[in-house]
């Protein structure tokens, strides 16, 4: 099973983006899911890669993927959390609940 990947930015002036990123990571950590962080502030090509994969030229972090498959953004994850469908939303099975594995690309 491919790892979850969260596109985020370590450099933002937006309080909303910071809060949304923190909440996404809190939800993933709370569900003890492994994920990889991709910091789009490191290069324009990473930001463009995220936007290309999402299919929206104006997409902003955080964006969540399972391997190369797009899962959604903060609002979609939040809705899945409210509906108790996080694993379904992220396309993960119970066996993926091993622990946190965070890496920055």
N, C-alpha and C. Protein backbone atom coordinates (compact mmCIF):
# COMPACT_ATOMS: atom_id res chain seq x y z
N UNK A 1 0.86 -1.18 0.00
CA UNK A 1 0.00 0.00 0.00
C UNK A 1 0.90 1.24 0.00
N UNK A 2 0.58 2.17 -0.86
CA UNK A 2 1.36 3.40 -0.95
C UNK A 2 1.13 4.25 0.30
N UNK A 3 2.11 5.06 0.60
CA UNK A 3 2.02 5.91 1.79
C UNK A 3 1.17 7.14 1.51
N UNK A 4 0.54 7.63 2.55
CA UNK A 4 -0.17 8.89 2.44
C UNK A 4 0.86 9.99 2.27
N UNK A 5 0.50 10.98 1.48
CA UNK A 5 1.39 12.11 1.23
C UNK A 5 0.59 13.38 1.43
N UNK A 6 1.13 14.29 2.24
CA UNK A 6 0.48 15.57 2.51
C UNK A 6 1.36 16.68 1.96
N UNK A 7 0.83 17.40 0.98
CA UNK A 7 1.52 18.58 0.47
C UNK A 7 1.16 19.74 1.39
N UNK A 8 2.19 20.39 1.92
CA UNK A 8 2.00 21.49 2.87
C UNK A 8 3.04 22.56 2.57
N UNK A 9 3.00 23.66 3.29
CA UNK A 9 4.02 24.68 3.15
C UNK A 9 4.52 25.08 4.54
N UNK A 10 5.83 25.19 4.65
CA UNK A 10 6.42 25.62 5.92
C UNK A 10 6.51 27.14 5.98
N UNK A 11 6.22 27.81 4.86
CA UNK A 11 6.30 29.26 4.80
C UNK A 11 4.96 29.80 4.30
N UNK A 12 4.21 30.42 5.20
CA UNK A 12 2.93 31.02 4.80
C UNK A 12 2.60 32.17 5.74
N UNK A 13 1.99 33.18 5.17
CA UNK A 13 1.52 34.30 5.97
C UNK A 13 0.06 34.14 6.34
N UNK A 14 -0.52 33.05 5.90
CA UNK A 14 -1.95 32.81 6.11
C UNK A 14 -2.19 31.98 7.37
N UNK A 15 -2.88 32.56 8.31
CA UNK A 15 -3.23 31.85 9.54
C UNK A 15 -4.13 30.67 9.22
N UNK A 16 -5.03 30.84 8.24
CA UNK A 16 -5.95 29.78 7.87
C UNK A 16 -5.21 28.56 7.33
N UNK A 17 -4.21 28.78 6.46
CA UNK A 17 -3.43 27.66 5.92
C UNK A 17 -2.69 26.95 7.05
N UNK A 18 -2.08 27.70 7.96
CA UNK A 18 -1.38 27.09 9.09
C UNK A 18 -2.32 26.24 9.94
N UNK A 19 -3.48 26.77 10.25
CA UNK A 19 -4.45 26.04 11.07
C UNK A 19 -4.94 24.78 10.38
N UNK A 20 -5.21 24.89 9.09
CA UNK A 20 -5.69 23.73 8.33
C UNK A 20 -4.62 22.64 8.26
N UNK A 21 -3.39 23.04 8.04
CA UNK A 21 -2.29 22.07 8.00
C UNK A 21 -2.16 21.36 9.35
N UNK A 22 -2.20 22.13 10.42
CA UNK A 22 -2.09 21.54 11.76
C UNK A 22 -3.22 20.57 12.03
N UNK A 23 -4.43 20.92 11.60
CA UNK A 23 -5.59 20.05 11.83
C UNK A 23 -5.48 18.76 11.01
N UNK A 24 -5.01 18.85 9.78
CA UNK A 24 -4.82 17.65 8.95
C UNK A 24 -3.84 16.70 9.64
N UNK A 25 -2.72 17.23 10.10
CA UNK A 25 -1.71 16.39 10.76
C UNK A 25 -2.25 15.82 12.07
N UNK A 26 -3.04 16.61 12.80
CA UNK A 26 -3.65 16.13 14.04
C UNK A 26 -4.59 14.95 13.76
N UNK A 27 -5.38 15.06 12.72
CA UNK A 27 -6.31 13.98 12.35
C UNK A 27 -5.54 12.73 11.95
N UNK A 28 -4.51 12.89 11.13
CA UNK A 28 -3.72 11.73 10.71
C UNK A 28 -3.01 11.09 11.90
N UNK A 29 -2.40 11.92 12.75
CA UNK A 29 -1.72 11.39 13.94
C UNK A 29 -2.72 10.72 14.88
N UNK A 30 -3.90 11.32 15.04
CA UNK A 30 -4.92 10.76 15.91
C UNK A 30 -5.41 9.39 15.44
N UNK A 31 -5.32 9.17 14.14
CA UNK A 31 -5.70 7.87 13.58
C UNK A 31 -4.49 6.95 13.41
N UNK A 32 -3.34 7.40 13.92
CA UNK A 32 -2.09 6.64 13.87
C UNK A 32 -1.77 6.16 12.46
N UNK A 33 -1.87 7.09 11.50
CA UNK A 33 -1.60 6.77 10.11
C UNK A 33 -0.22 7.28 9.71
N UNK A 34 0.46 6.48 8.92
CA UNK A 34 1.76 6.89 8.41
C UNK A 34 1.54 7.87 7.26
N UNK A 35 2.40 8.88 7.19
CA UNK A 35 2.31 9.83 6.09
C UNK A 35 3.66 10.46 5.83
N UNK A 36 3.76 11.07 4.66
CA UNK A 36 4.98 11.74 4.24
C UNK A 36 4.60 13.19 3.95
N UNK A 37 5.41 14.11 4.44
CA UNK A 37 5.17 15.53 4.20
C UNK A 37 5.99 15.99 2.99
N UNK A 38 5.36 16.77 2.12
CA UNK A 38 6.03 17.36 0.97
C UNK A 38 5.87 18.87 1.09
N UNK A 39 6.97 19.56 1.32
CA UNK A 39 6.96 21.01 1.54
C UNK A 39 7.04 21.74 0.20
N UNK A 40 5.92 22.31 -0.25
CA UNK A 40 5.88 22.98 -1.55
C UNK A 40 6.61 24.32 -1.54
N UNK A 41 6.98 24.81 -0.36
CA UNK A 41 7.72 26.07 -0.30
C UNK A 41 9.18 25.89 -0.68
N UNK A 42 9.63 24.64 -0.80
CA UNK A 42 11.03 24.38 -1.16
C UNK A 42 11.32 24.67 -2.62
N UNK A 43 10.31 24.49 -3.48
CA UNK A 43 10.53 24.79 -4.90
C UNK A 43 9.20 25.00 -5.60
N UNK A 44 9.24 25.84 -6.61
CA UNK A 44 8.05 26.11 -7.42
C UNK A 44 7.58 24.84 -8.12
N UNK A 45 8.52 23.95 -8.45
CA UNK A 45 8.14 22.71 -9.15
C UNK A 45 7.29 21.80 -8.26
N UNK A 46 7.55 21.78 -6.95
CA UNK A 46 6.73 20.98 -6.03
C UNK A 46 5.31 21.56 -5.92
N UNK A 47 5.22 22.88 -5.89
CA UNK A 47 3.90 23.52 -5.86
C UNK A 47 3.14 23.20 -7.14
N UNK A 48 3.83 23.30 -8.28
CA UNK A 48 3.19 23.01 -9.55
C UNK A 48 2.79 21.53 -9.65
N UNK A 49 3.65 20.65 -9.12
CA UNK A 49 3.33 19.21 -9.10
C UNK A 49 2.04 18.97 -8.32
N UNK A 50 1.92 19.61 -7.15
CA UNK A 50 0.71 19.46 -6.34
C UNK A 50 -0.51 19.93 -7.12
N UNK A 51 -0.40 21.10 -7.73
CA UNK A 51 -1.54 21.67 -8.46
C UNK A 51 -1.92 20.82 -9.67
N UNK A 52 -0.91 20.28 -10.36
CA UNK A 52 -1.18 19.40 -11.50
C UNK A 52 -1.92 18.15 -11.05
N UNK A 53 -1.47 17.56 -9.94
CA UNK A 53 -2.10 16.33 -9.44
C UNK A 53 -3.52 16.59 -8.95
N UNK A 54 -3.75 17.75 -8.36
CA UNK A 54 -5.09 18.11 -7.87
C UNK A 54 -6.01 18.45 -9.05
N UNK A 55 -5.41 19.04 -10.08
CA UNK A 55 -6.20 19.44 -11.24
C UNK A 55 -6.78 20.84 -11.13
N UNK A 56 -6.20 21.64 -10.22
CA UNK A 56 -6.64 23.02 -10.03
C UNK A 56 -5.42 23.92 -9.98
N UNK A 57 -5.38 24.91 -10.86
CA UNK A 57 -4.22 25.81 -10.93
C UNK A 57 -4.07 26.68 -9.69
N UNK A 58 -5.14 26.83 -8.91
CA UNK A 58 -5.09 27.69 -7.73
C UNK A 58 -5.16 26.91 -6.42
N UNK A 59 -4.92 25.60 -6.47
CA UNK A 59 -4.96 24.77 -5.26
C UNK A 59 -3.89 25.22 -4.26
N UNK A 60 -4.27 25.24 -2.99
CA UNK A 60 -3.33 25.62 -1.93
C UNK A 60 -3.22 24.47 -0.93
N UNK A 61 -2.08 24.40 -0.24
CA UNK A 61 -1.91 23.36 0.78
C UNK A 61 -2.88 23.58 1.93
N UNK A 62 -3.20 22.54 2.67
CA UNK A 62 -2.75 21.16 2.50
C UNK A 62 -3.61 20.38 1.51
N UNK A 63 -2.96 19.48 0.78
CA UNK A 63 -3.63 18.57 -0.15
C UNK A 63 -3.15 17.17 0.20
N UNK A 64 -4.04 16.20 0.15
CA UNK A 64 -3.73 14.85 0.64
C UNK A 64 -3.86 13.84 -0.49
N UNK A 65 -2.85 12.95 -0.57
CA UNK A 65 -2.81 11.90 -1.59
C UNK A 65 -2.51 10.57 -0.93
N UNK A 66 -2.98 9.51 -1.54
CA UNK A 66 -2.58 8.15 -1.18
C UNK A 66 -1.82 7.64 -2.38
N UNK A 67 -0.49 7.62 -2.28
CA UNK A 67 0.34 7.36 -3.45
C UNK A 67 0.12 8.50 -4.43
N UNK A 68 -0.22 8.16 -5.66
CA UNK A 68 -0.50 9.19 -6.67
C UNK A 68 -1.99 9.50 -6.77
N UNK A 69 -2.81 8.85 -5.95
CA UNK A 69 -4.26 9.06 -6.01
C UNK A 69 -4.67 10.20 -5.09
N UNK A 70 -5.33 11.19 -5.66
CA UNK A 70 -5.78 12.35 -4.90
C UNK A 70 -6.93 11.98 -3.98
N UNK A 71 -6.78 12.31 -2.70
CA UNK A 71 -7.85 12.07 -1.72
C UNK A 71 -8.70 13.31 -1.54
N UNK A 72 -8.04 14.47 -1.34
CA UNK A 72 -8.78 15.70 -1.15
C UNK A 72 -8.00 16.73 -0.36
N UNK A 73 -8.72 17.78 0.04
CA UNK A 73 -8.10 18.87 0.78
C UNK A 73 -8.59 18.86 2.23
N UNK A 74 -8.29 19.92 2.95
CA UNK A 74 -8.67 20.01 4.37
C UNK A 74 -10.17 19.85 4.57
N UNK A 75 -10.95 20.61 3.80
CA UNK A 75 -12.40 20.59 4.01
C UNK A 75 -12.98 19.20 3.78
N UNK A 76 -12.47 18.50 2.78
CA UNK A 76 -12.96 17.16 2.49
C UNK A 76 -12.58 16.19 3.61
N UNK A 77 -11.35 16.32 4.13
CA UNK A 77 -10.92 15.47 5.25
C UNK A 77 -11.74 15.78 6.49
N UNK A 78 -11.98 17.04 6.75
CA UNK A 78 -12.77 17.44 7.91
C UNK A 78 -14.17 16.83 7.84
N UNK A 79 -14.78 16.90 6.66
CA UNK A 79 -16.11 16.31 6.48
C UNK A 79 -16.08 14.80 6.71
N UNK A 80 -15.04 14.14 6.19
CA UNK A 80 -14.91 12.69 6.40
C UNK A 80 -14.74 12.38 7.88
N UNK A 81 -14.02 13.23 8.61
CA UNK A 81 -13.83 13.04 10.04
C UNK A 81 -15.17 13.16 10.77
N UNK A 82 -15.94 14.16 10.41
CA UNK A 82 -17.25 14.36 11.04
C UNK A 82 -18.17 13.17 10.78
N UNK A 83 -18.03 12.54 9.61
CA UNK A 83 -18.86 11.40 9.24
C UNK A 83 -18.24 10.06 9.63
N UNK A 84 -17.11 10.13 10.37
CA UNK A 84 -16.38 8.94 10.80
C UNK A 84 -16.02 8.03 9.63
N UNK A 85 -15.53 8.66 8.55
CA UNK A 85 -15.14 7.94 7.34
C UNK A 85 -13.72 8.30 6.91
N UNK A 86 -12.84 8.56 7.87
CA UNK A 86 -11.48 8.99 7.55
C UNK A 86 -10.74 7.95 6.72
N UNK A 87 -10.77 6.71 7.14
CA UNK A 87 -10.03 5.67 6.42
C UNK A 87 -10.57 5.45 5.02
N UNK A 88 -11.88 5.52 4.88
CA UNK A 88 -12.50 5.39 3.56
C UNK A 88 -12.05 6.55 2.68
N UNK A 89 -12.08 7.77 3.22
CA UNK A 89 -11.67 8.97 2.49
C UNK A 89 -10.22 8.86 2.04
N UNK A 90 -9.36 8.38 2.93
CA UNK A 90 -7.92 8.28 2.64
C UNK A 90 -7.56 7.02 1.87
N UNK A 91 -8.54 6.14 1.67
CA UNK A 91 -8.34 4.90 0.92
C UNK A 91 -7.28 4.02 1.59
N UNK A 92 -7.40 3.89 2.92
CA UNK A 92 -6.48 3.04 3.68
C UNK A 92 -7.25 1.95 4.40
N UNK A 93 -6.57 0.84 4.63
CA UNK A 93 -7.15 -0.27 5.38
C UNK A 93 -6.66 -0.21 6.82
N UNK A 94 -7.30 -0.94 7.69
CA UNK A 94 -6.93 -0.95 9.11
C UNK A 94 -5.49 -1.38 9.32
N UNK A 95 -4.95 -2.23 8.44
CA UNK A 95 -3.58 -2.71 8.61
C UNK A 95 -2.56 -1.60 8.44
N UNK A 96 -2.94 -0.46 7.86
CA UNK A 96 -2.02 0.65 7.67
C UNK A 96 -1.81 1.45 8.95
N UNK A 97 -2.55 1.16 10.00
CA UNK A 97 -2.45 1.91 11.25
C UNK A 97 -1.27 1.42 12.08
N UNK A 98 -0.07 1.71 11.62
CA UNK A 98 1.14 1.24 12.28
C UNK A 98 1.72 2.31 13.19
N UNK A 99 1.76 3.51 12.72
CA UNK A 99 2.34 4.59 13.50
C UNK A 99 2.72 5.72 12.58
N UNK A 100 3.25 6.77 13.13
CA UNK A 100 3.58 7.95 12.37
C UNK A 100 4.97 7.81 11.76
N UNK A 101 5.07 8.13 10.50
CA UNK A 101 6.34 8.15 9.79
C UNK A 101 6.37 9.44 9.00
N UNK A 102 7.06 10.43 9.50
CA UNK A 102 7.06 11.74 8.88
C UNK A 102 8.41 11.99 8.23
N UNK A 103 8.36 12.38 6.97
CA UNK A 103 9.57 12.73 6.24
C UNK A 103 9.28 13.96 5.40
N UNK A 104 10.26 14.78 5.21
CA UNK A 104 10.12 15.96 4.36
C UNK A 104 10.93 15.74 3.10
N UNK A 105 10.28 15.99 1.98
CA UNK A 105 10.96 15.86 0.68
C UNK A 105 11.44 17.22 0.26
